[in-house]
C-alpha atoms as a PDB file:
ATOM      1  CA  MET A   1     103.532 158.836 208.547  1.00  0.00           C
ATOM      2  CA  LYS A   2     104.219 155.853 206.329  1.00  0.00           C
ATOM      3  CA  ARG A   3     105.899 152.837 207.965  1.00  0.00           C
ATOM      4  CA  SER A   4     108.052 150.432 206.015  1.00  0.00           C
ATOM      5  CA  VAL A   5     108.370 146.838 207.006  1.00  0.00           C
ATOM      6  CA  ALA A   6     111.081 144.523 205.976  1.00  0.00           C
ATOM      7  CA  PRO A   7     109.971 141.533 204.017  1.00  0.00           C
ATOM      8  CA  ILE A   8     110.053 138.185 205.996  1.00  0.00           C
ATOM      9  CA  ASP A   9     112.696 135.890 204.691  1.00  0.00           C
ATOM     10  CA  SER A  10     111.195 132.539 205.606  1.00  0.00           C
ATOM     11  CA  PRO A  11     114.039 130.304 204.283  1.00  0.00           C
ATOM     12  CA  LYS A  12     116.549 132.337 206.356  1.00  0.00           C
ATOM     13  CA  ILE A  13     114.333 132.171 209.475  1.00  0.00           C
ATOM     14  CA  LEU A  14     113.968 128.419 209.106  1.00  0.00           C
ATOM     15  CA  ALA A  15     117.772 128.026 208.562  1.00  0.00           C
ATOM     16  CA  ASP A  16     118.424 130.076 211.661  1.00  0.00           C
ATOM     17  CA  LEU A  17     115.999 128.062 213.771  1.00  0.00           C
ATOM     18  CA  ARG A  18     117.530 124.735 212.570  1.00  0.00           C
ATOM     19  CA  ALA A  19     121.031 126.155 213.406  1.00  0.00           C
ATOM     20  CA  LYS A  20     119.909 127.243 216.812  1.00  0.00           C
ATOM     21  CA  ARG A  21     118.252 123.819 217.568  1.00  0.00           C
ATOM     22  CA  ALA A  22     121.470 122.082 216.344  1.00  0.00           C
ATOM     23  CA  ASN A  23     123.604 124.104 218.847  1.00  0.00           C
ATOM     24  CA  HIS A  24     121.233 123.217 221.642  1.00  0.00           C
ATOM     25  CA  GLU A  25     121.288 119.562 220.756  1.00  0.00           C
ATOM     26  CA  TRP A  26     125.055 119.603 220.725  1.00  0.00           C
ATOM     27  CA  LEU A  27     125.170 121.185 224.047  1.00  0.00           C
ATOM     28  CA  ASP A  28     122.759 118.542 225.469  1.00  0.00           C
ATOM     29  CA  ARG A  29     124.887 115.677 223.992  1.00  0.00           C
ATOM     30  CA  HIS A  30     128.032 117.028 225.418  1.00  0.00           C
ATOM     31  CA  ARG A  31     126.853 118.301 228.744  1.00  0.00           C
ATOM     32  CA  ALA A  32     129.043 115.818 230.786  1.00  0.00           C
ATOM     33  CA  GLU A  33     132.163 116.933 228.931  1.00  0.00           C
ATOM     34  CA  LEU A  34     131.258 120.613 229.305  1.00  0.00           C
ATOM     35  CA  ARG A  35     130.643 120.115 233.097  1.00  0.00           C
ATOM     36  CA  ILE A  36     134.276 118.913 233.412  1.00  0.00           C
ATOM     37  CA  ARG A  37     135.859 121.832 231.440  1.00  0.00           C
ATOM     38  CA  PHE A  38     133.362 124.670 232.144  1.00  0.00           C
ATOM     39  CA  ALA A  39     131.776 124.057 235.526  1.00  0.00           C
ATOM     40  CA  GLY A  40     130.487 127.195 237.081  1.00  0.00           C
ATOM     41  CA  LYS A  41     130.529 129.252 233.761  1.00  0.00           C
ATOM     42  CA  PHE A  42     128.288 130.204 231.021  1.00  0.00           C
ATOM     43  CA  VAL A  43     129.118 128.660 227.731  1.00  0.00           C
ATOM     44  CA  ALA A  44     128.146 129.594 224.095  1.00  0.00           C
ATOM     45  CA  VAL A  45     128.062 126.783 221.603  1.00  0.00           C
ATOM     46  CA  HIS A  46     128.029 127.350 217.842  1.00  0.00           C
ATOM     47  CA  ARG A  47     128.556 124.879 215.011  1.00  0.00           C
ATOM     48  CA  GLY A  48     129.604 122.088 217.320  1.00  0.00           C
ATOM     49  CA  GLU A  49     132.200 124.004 219.344  1.00  0.00           C
ATOM     50  CA  VAL A  50     132.405 126.123 222.460  1.00  0.00           C
ATOM     51  CA  VAL A  51     133.021 129.646 221.097  1.00  0.00           C
ATOM     52  CA  ALA A  52     132.932 131.613 224.403  1.00  0.00           C
ATOM     53  CA  SER A  53     132.807 130.914 228.141  1.00  0.00           C
ATOM     54  CA  ASP A  54     132.822 133.081 231.228  1.00  0.00           C
ATOM     55  CA  PRO A  55     131.469 132.879 234.723  1.00  0.00           C
ATOM     56  CA  GLU A  56     129.751 136.275 234.165  1.00  0.00           C
ATOM     57  CA  PHE A  57     126.965 136.412 231.590  1.00  0.00           C
ATOM     58  CA  PRO A  58     127.571 140.104 230.487  1.00  0.00           C
ATOM     59  CA  ARG A  59     131.219 139.291 229.678  1.00  0.00           C
ATOM     60  CA  LEU A  60     130.285 136.137 227.864  1.00  0.00           C
ATOM     61  CA  LEU A  61     127.791 138.184 225.767  1.00  0.00           C
ATOM     62  CA  SER A  62     130.348 140.743 224.997  1.00  0.00           C
ATOM     63  CA  ARG A  63     132.803 138.011 223.835  1.00  0.00           C
ATOM     64  CA  LEU A  64     130.129 136.369 221.778  1.00  0.00           C
ATOM     65  CA  ARG A  65     129.215 139.616 220.034  1.00  0.00           C
ATOM     66  CA  LYS A  66     132.875 140.095 218.967  1.00  0.00           C
ATOM     67  CA  ARG A  67     133.175 136.405 217.757  1.00  0.00           C
ATOM     68  CA  LEU A  68     129.912 135.842 215.818  1.00  0.00           C
ATOM     69  CA  ALA A  69     128.148 137.828 213.187  1.00  0.00           C
ATOM     70  CA  ASP A  70     124.768 136.739 214.668  1.00  0.00           C
ATOM     71  CA  PRO A  71     125.291 135.786 218.346  1.00  0.00           C
ATOM     72  CA  SER A  72     121.596 134.899 218.605  1.00  0.00           C
ATOM     73  CA  LEU A  73     122.254 131.604 216.837  1.00  0.00           C
ATOM     74  CA  ALA A  74     124.577 130.297 219.657  1.00  0.00           C
ATOM     75  CA  ALA A  75     123.213 128.098 222.321  1.00  0.00           C
ATOM     76  CA  VAL A  76     123.995 129.781 225.684  1.00  0.00           C
ATOM     77  CA  GLU A  77     123.668 128.003 229.016  1.00  0.00           C
ATOM     78  CA  PHE A  78     125.140 128.037 232.536  1.00  0.00           C
ATOM     79  CA  VAL A  79     127.065 124.827 233.194  1.00  0.00           C
ATOM     80  CA  SER A  80     126.511 123.866 236.854  1.00  0.00           C
ATOM     81  CA  LYS A  81     129.108 122.024 238.841  1.00  0.00           C
ATOM     82  CA  GLU A  82     126.714 119.222 239.544  1.00  0.00           C
ATOM     83  CA  GLY A  83     123.958 117.612 237.659  1.00  0.00           C
ATOM     84  CA  VAL A  84     120.520 119.119 238.260  1.00  0.00           C
ATOM     85  CA  VAL A  85     117.618 116.876 239.090  1.00  0.00           C
ATOM     86  CA  TRP A  86     114.179 118.412 238.525  1.00  0.00           C
ATOM     87  CA  ILE A  87     111.298 117.211 240.762  1.00  0.00           C
ATOM     88  CA  LEU A  88     107.953 118.321 239.500  1.00  0.00           C
END
């Protein structure tokens, strides 16, 4: 059986990685604001805006799939009510 493999589109992969990183960086910079508006919810950020939020992850994912052509590019995180302190 002959298998076919799709060619790797390096420029697209790099662009997608940059977009994903930019979404995470935006989320990090705006975490305090997000905590005020979305405490206790999962949020999805894409292109500098919150595109979906929900306290339940499966529902957030469903909304995200309806809203974005490629939901994997969004930064998704749970926004806690309080700041988290990591002690290592």
